[in-house]
Structure formats: structure tokens, C-alpha cells
Amino acid sequence: MSFEIKLPLFEGPFDLLLFFIQRDELDIHDIPINKITKDFLDYLQHLEKMNVEVASEFILVAATLMRIKAKLLLPRPVLDETGEEIDPREELVKHLLEYKKYKSVIEELSQMEGDRLLKERRGNVVKELKKLAETNNVESELQDIDLYKLLKVFQKVLERHEYELNKPTHKVVQYPYTIATQRAYVLNRLIETPRLSFTELIALAPEKIVVIFNFLSILDLLQMRQITMHLGEGFNNFWIEKIEEELVD
């Protein structure tokens, strides 16, 4: 037996985020970034499984959510000029509130447009009938065509064809990495090397995207209390060790 999964399509990433906030009755000023990031990424993965092309703006917002999550996990908060701690979610909340405001206005304007289309336009009936007759008179139109007009039309067709051939295309490349797989990778490395430095981990896979995923996976493992971290002195490096589970008699 086959079955079909249907997902709602949203106009943009902020529309999707507002849907999650309204569905789960979340406080827009205090967004649980872990939950909303997981829901957002799950939605994108379902779209990819259904062979639906994911727009670049959705991927940009997904990267922004992961960046906010990483900032919240970092032990060093960012301070403003007055020494107050800056909430990494502040800019996202600001954009969501603006989008929500404009969306409510757009819905009202759309309703007004629908009401306006239901009305008949007043005008001179004789003039309108004459205009329709001139538009549908093909022989009359052909009489006004000359070689210059034909060449102008041909030139526009060539320009449009040239533009279609050379217009830029956008291709989104899906990286074969996830936070979950990199967490398992780091834990496996710690089995082989009980004390592992971050520089050694970079040397194993120096690609920029791999380094980013490995760093985010380390932050997740720290939050899950599966590893511990030792900071180095004098240079940017740290060591990680796996926390062994205590045996209960």
C-alpha cells in the first residue's frame, strides 16, 4: 500500500517561523531556539525528500538559526557598550515582528483587492465596444505593419533569446554532514584518542564546512555532558575528553 505525505508550502522562511510560533503558542520575544531550529530543519528535510527545491532564503535562515544556537551555547556572552549582555535572538525577533506587521497589512490589502475585482468599472459603453472591435480587427493591424516594425520585433526576440541563454542560474549544494553524524564521529575519535585537541581534529579534515560542523557538534556534546573541555593557554586551542558514565552498584 502506498501513501502520500502532504506538507504546507510557505511563502518564505519567516512565514514558516511564524507558523511554528503560533502553532506551539510560543512567546515571540523569548523563542526556544533549539526547538524552532529542529522544526525548521525537519521541514526542509521533508521538502528535499519530496524533491522540492529549497530556496536559498530558507537555507540562509537555517544557517542563521544554527549561528544563534552556537552563540547561545558559547560560555562567553557578547556585551553592548553599556556592558549589558546582547541576546543573539534579538535581531531575529525584530525581523519576525516586522514581517508579522507587514503580513497583516498585506492580507488586508489582498481582501480589498478581491472586493474591488468583484465590482464593474463604469465607462462609456460605445467607446469600449469600439476599442474592442479595433483590437480584434486583425486585417486592420496587418495594414500598419512595415519592414521596420518587423525588424524591431525580430531584434527584441533575439535579445530575449540571448538573455534566456546567458541568464545566471543558482544551484544549492547539499553538504553530506549533519550535527548528529559529526557528534558520533567526534565520540569515535575520542575512543581512539582519549584526549584530543581541536587542532588535531582540524588536521584530520581541514575543510571549512567540516570544521564548522565539528565545532557545533562539540558544543552539543558539551551541553549533553558527554565530553569535557580543557582550555589551552597562550594560543587558540582546547582539548576534549569523553566523560565516562559512573557505574551504579
Protein backbone atom coordinates (compact mmCIF):
# COMPACT_ATOMS: atom_id res chain seq x y z
CA MET A 1 0.00 0.00 0.00
CA SER A 2 1.41 3.40 -0.95
CA PHE A 3 0.69 6.62 0.88
CA GLU A 4 1.35 10.27 0.20
CA ILE A 5 2.68 12.90 2.60
CA LYS A 6 1.46 16.45 2.01
CA LEU A 7 3.31 19.42 3.54
CA PRO A 8 2.07 23.01 3.52
CA LEU A 9 4.20 25.33 1.37
CA PHE A 10 5.05 28.70 2.89
CA GLU A 11 5.74 31.96 1.08
CA GLY A 12 9.04 32.48 2.89
CA PRO A 13 11.17 31.38 5.86
CA PHE A 14 9.67 33.98 8.21
CA ASP A 15 6.19 32.76 7.29
CA LEU A 16 7.31 29.26 8.34
CA LEU A 17 8.79 30.52 11.64
CA LEU A 18 5.60 32.42 12.49
CA PHE A 19 3.62 29.24 11.80
CA PHE A 20 5.73 27.30 14.35
CA ILE A 21 5.39 30.10 16.92
CA GLN A 22 1.59 30.30 16.54
CA ARG A 23 1.16 26.51 16.40
CA ASP A 24 3.08 25.89 19.65
CA GLU A 25 1.87 29.15 21.30
CA LEU A 26 5.44 30.34 21.85
CA ASP A 27 6.49 33.75 23.14
CA ILE A 28 7.94 35.58 20.11
CA HIS A 29 10.14 37.66 22.47
CA ASP A 30 11.61 34.52 24.11
CA ILE A 31 11.93 31.95 21.31
CA PRO A 32 13.21 28.48 22.33
CA ILE A 33 15.91 28.42 19.65
CA ASN A 34 16.69 24.68 19.98
CA LYS A 35 13.09 23.61 19.30
CA ILE A 36 12.36 26.06 16.49
CA THR A 37 15.68 25.23 14.76
CA LYS A 38 14.87 21.50 14.88
CA ASP A 39 11.34 22.08 13.48
CA PHE A 40 12.74 24.34 10.72
CA LEU A 41 15.41 21.83 9.64
CA ASP A 42 12.91 18.93 9.75
CA TYR A 43 10.62 20.84 7.38
CA LEU A 44 13.49 21.45 4.93
CA GLN A 45 14.50 17.77 5.05
CA HIS A 46 10.91 16.70 4.24
CA LEU A 47 10.91 19.07 1.26
CA GLU A 48 14.16 17.56 -0.02
CA LYS A 49 12.75 14.02 0.33
CA MET A 50 9.77 15.13 -1.80
CA ASN A 51 12.21 16.51 -4.45
CA VAL A 52 11.02 20.07 -3.78
CA GLU A 53 13.74 22.66 -4.49
CA VAL A 54 14.63 24.55 -1.32
CA ALA A 55 15.05 28.29 -1.95
CA SER A 56 18.30 29.94 -0.90
CA GLU A 57 16.45 32.25 1.54
CA PHE A 58 15.28 29.20 3.54
CA ILE A 59 18.86 27.89 3.72
CA LEU A 60 20.09 31.35 4.80
CA VAL A 61 17.59 31.46 7.69
CA ALA A 62 18.53 27.88 8.66
CA ALA A 63 22.19 28.94 8.84
CA THR A 64 21.16 31.99 10.91
CA LEU A 65 19.28 29.79 13.38
CA MET A 66 22.30 27.50 13.77
CA ARG A 67 24.53 30.55 14.28
CA ILE A 68 22.22 31.85 17.03
CA LYS A 69 22.19 28.40 18.64
CA ALA A 70 26.01 28.32 18.64
CA LYS A 71 26.17 31.79 20.24
CA LEU A 72 23.76 30.71 22.99
CA LEU A 73 25.93 27.67 23.72
CA LEU A 74 29.17 29.66 23.93
CA PRO A 75 30.28 30.39 27.52
CA ARG A 76 31.34 33.96 26.66
CA PRO A 77 28.33 36.28 26.12
CA VAL A 78 28.56 39.32 23.83
CA LEU A 79 28.16 42.65 25.65
CA ASP A 80 26.99 46.01 24.33
CA GLU A 81 28.53 49.44 25.01
CA THR A 82 26.81 49.67 28.41
CA GLY A 83 28.03 46.23 29.49
CA GLU A 84 24.62 44.56 29.10
CA GLU A 85 24.51 41.08 27.60
CA ILE A 86 23.24 41.03 23.98
CA ASP A 87 20.63 38.36 23.25
CA PRO A 88 21.64 36.63 19.96
CA ARG A 89 17.92 36.20 19.19
CA GLU A 90 17.24 39.97 19.26
CA GLU A 91 17.77 40.62 15.53
CA LEU A 92 15.69 37.56 14.55
CA VAL A 93 12.81 38.68 16.81
CA LYS A 94 12.97 42.17 15.26
CA HIS A 95 12.67 40.76 11.71
CA LEU A 96 9.81 38.45 12.74
CA LEU A 97 7.85 41.32 14.30
CA GLU A 98 8.32 43.46 11.17
CA TYR A 99 7.29 40.59 8.91
CA LYS A 100 4.23 39.90 11.06
CA LYS A 101 3.22 43.56 10.84
CA TYR A 102 3.60 43.73 7.05
CA LYS A 103 1.88 40.37 6.60
CA SER A 104 -1.24 41.62 8.41
CA VAL A 105 -1.31 44.70 6.14
CA ILE A 106 -0.85 42.57 3.01
CA GLU A 107 -3.77 40.33 3.99
CA GLU A 108 -5.98 43.38 4.42
CA LEU A 109 -4.89 44.83 1.05
CA SER A 110 -5.48 41.45 -0.62
CA GLN A 111 -9.03 41.40 0.75
CA MET A 112 -9.58 44.94 -0.57
CA GLU A 113 -8.23 43.89 -3.97
CA GLY A 114 -10.61 40.92 -4.07
CA ASP A 115 -13.56 43.15 -3.22
CA ARG A 116 -12.51 45.63 -5.91
CA LEU A 117 -12.30 42.95 -8.60
CA LEU A 118 -15.91 42.00 -7.92
CA LYS A 119 -17.05 45.47 -8.98
CA GLU A 120 -17.77 46.51 -12.55
CA ARG A 121 -15.93 49.54 -13.92
CA ARG A 122 -18.11 52.38 -15.10
CA GLY A 123 -17.39 53.92 -18.51
CA ASN A 124 -18.59 54.86 -22.00
CA VAL A 125 -20.10 51.66 -23.42
CA VAL A 126 -19.91 52.84 -27.06
CA LYS A 127 -16.24 53.76 -26.68
CA GLU A 128 -15.41 50.44 -25.04
CA LEU A 129 -17.18 48.46 -27.80
CA LYS A 130 -15.28 50.44 -30.45
CA LYS A 131 -11.97 49.75 -28.70
CA LEU A 132 -12.73 46.01 -28.55
CA ALA A 133 -13.62 45.99 -32.24
CA GLU A 134 -10.31 47.68 -33.16
CA THR A 135 -8.36 45.20 -31.03
CA ASN A 136 -9.93 42.18 -32.71
CA ASN A 137 -9.63 43.57 -36.25
CA VAL A 138 -6.64 41.54 -37.46
CA GLU A 139 -6.72 42.88 -41.03
CA SER A 140 -6.52 46.44 -39.73
CA GLU A 141 -3.46 45.60 -37.67
CA LEU A 142 -1.69 43.94 -40.60
CA GLN A 143 -2.15 47.05 -42.74
CA ASP A 144 0.01 49.08 -40.30
CA ILE A 145 2.94 46.62 -40.33
CA ASP A 146 6.06 47.60 -42.31
CA LEU A 147 9.61 46.23 -42.64
CA TYR A 148 10.99 48.49 -39.89
CA LYS A 149 8.44 47.22 -37.33
CA LEU A 150 9.15 43.61 -38.28
CA LEU A 151 12.90 44.17 -37.83
CA LYS A 152 12.33 45.77 -34.40
CA VAL A 153 10.24 42.82 -33.28
CA PHE A 154 12.87 40.40 -34.61
CA GLN A 155 15.60 42.29 -32.72
CA LYS A 156 13.62 42.08 -29.43
CA VAL A 157 13.09 38.35 -29.93
CA LEU A 158 16.85 37.84 -30.45
CA GLU A 159 17.67 39.90 -27.34
CA ARG A 160 15.19 37.91 -25.25
CA HIS A 161 16.63 34.65 -26.59
CA GLU A 162 20.19 35.78 -25.80
CA TYR A 163 19.13 36.72 -22.26
CA GLU A 164 17.50 33.32 -21.69
CA LEU A 165 20.67 31.55 -22.82
CA ASN A 166 23.04 33.60 -20.63
CA LYS A 167 20.93 34.36 -17.55
CA PRO A 168 22.61 33.28 -14.28
CA THR A 169 21.47 30.07 -12.61
CA HIS A 170 21.52 29.28 -8.92
CA LYS A 171 22.36 25.82 -7.65
CA VAL A 172 22.20 24.81 -3.98
CA VAL A 173 24.72 22.13 -2.95
CA GLN A 174 23.68 19.94 -0.02
CA TYR A 175 26.65 19.09 2.21
CA PRO A 176 26.82 15.42 3.35
CA TYR A 177 27.24 16.42 7.02
CA THR A 178 24.86 16.76 9.97
CA ILE A 179 25.36 17.65 13.63
CA ALA A 180 24.28 14.13 14.65
CA THR A 181 26.79 12.34 12.38
CA GLN A 182 29.64 14.62 13.46
CA ARG A 183 28.79 14.02 17.14
CA ALA A 184 29.22 10.30 16.53
CA TYR A 185 32.45 10.98 14.60
CA VAL A 186 33.94 13.00 17.49
CA LEU A 187 32.98 10.34 20.05
CA ASN A 188 34.59 7.63 17.89
CA ARG A 189 37.78 9.69 17.65
CA LEU A 190 37.82 10.00 21.45
CA ILE A 191 37.71 6.22 21.74
CA GLU A 192 40.93 6.01 19.71
CA THR A 193 42.49 9.13 21.30
CA PRO A 194 41.13 9.75 24.84
CA ARG A 195 42.49 13.32 24.89
CA LEU A 196 42.02 15.10 21.55
CA SER A 197 42.89 18.69 20.69
CA PHE A 198 40.81 20.81 18.34
CA THR A 199 43.84 21.44 16.10
CA GLU A 200 44.28 17.68 15.68
CA LEU A 201 40.59 17.39 14.76
CA ILE A 202 41.03 20.14 12.15
CA ALA A 203 44.09 18.38 10.70
CA LEU A 204 42.03 15.22 10.14
CA ALA A 205 39.51 17.13 7.96
CA PRO A 206 40.66 20.71 7.19
CA GLU A 207 37.68 21.64 5.01
CA LYS A 208 35.95 24.77 6.32
CA ILE A 209 32.42 23.29 6.38
CA VAL A 210 33.68 20.15 8.21
CA VAL A 211 35.43 22.31 10.83
CA ILE A 212 32.18 24.24 11.41
CA PHE A 213 30.10 21.06 11.82
CA ASN A 214 32.71 19.52 14.13
CA PHE A 215 32.76 22.65 16.31
CA LEU A 216 28.94 22.74 16.55
CA SER A 217 28.88 19.02 17.40
CA ILE A 218 31.42 19.64 20.21
CA LEU A 219 29.16 22.37 21.63
CA ASP A 220 26.23 19.95 21.53
CA LEU A 221 28.26 17.21 23.28
CA LEU A 222 29.28 19.70 25.98
CA GLN A 223 25.64 20.64 26.55
CA MET A 224 24.69 16.94 26.67
CA ARG A 225 27.52 16.39 29.24
CA GLN A 226 29.11 13.62 27.19
CA ILE A 227 32.53 15.32 26.93
CA THR A 228 34.57 17.80 28.94
CA MET A 229 36.82 20.60 27.66
CA HIS A 230 40.24 21.85 28.81
CA LEU A 231 41.29 25.29 27.57
CA GLY A 232 44.89 25.93 26.48
CA GLU A 233 47.00 28.92 27.46
CA GLY A 234 48.75 31.33 25.14
CA PHE A 235 47.08 30.27 21.90
CA ASN A 236 43.68 29.36 20.46
CA ASN A 237 43.34 25.66 21.18
CA PHE A 238 41.50 23.34 23.53
CA TRP A 239 41.37 19.64 24.38
CA ILE A 240 38.31 17.46 24.78
CA GLU A 241 37.85 14.26 26.72
CA LYS A 242 34.95 11.84 26.94
CA ILE A 243 33.10 11.72 30.27
CA GLU A 244 32.85 8.12 31.40
CA GLU A 245 29.47 7.12 32.85
CA GLU A 246 29.62 6.20 36.52
CA LEU A 247 28.82 2.55 37.26
CA VAL A 248 25.97 2.02 39.68
CA ASP A 249 26.29 -0.99 42.05
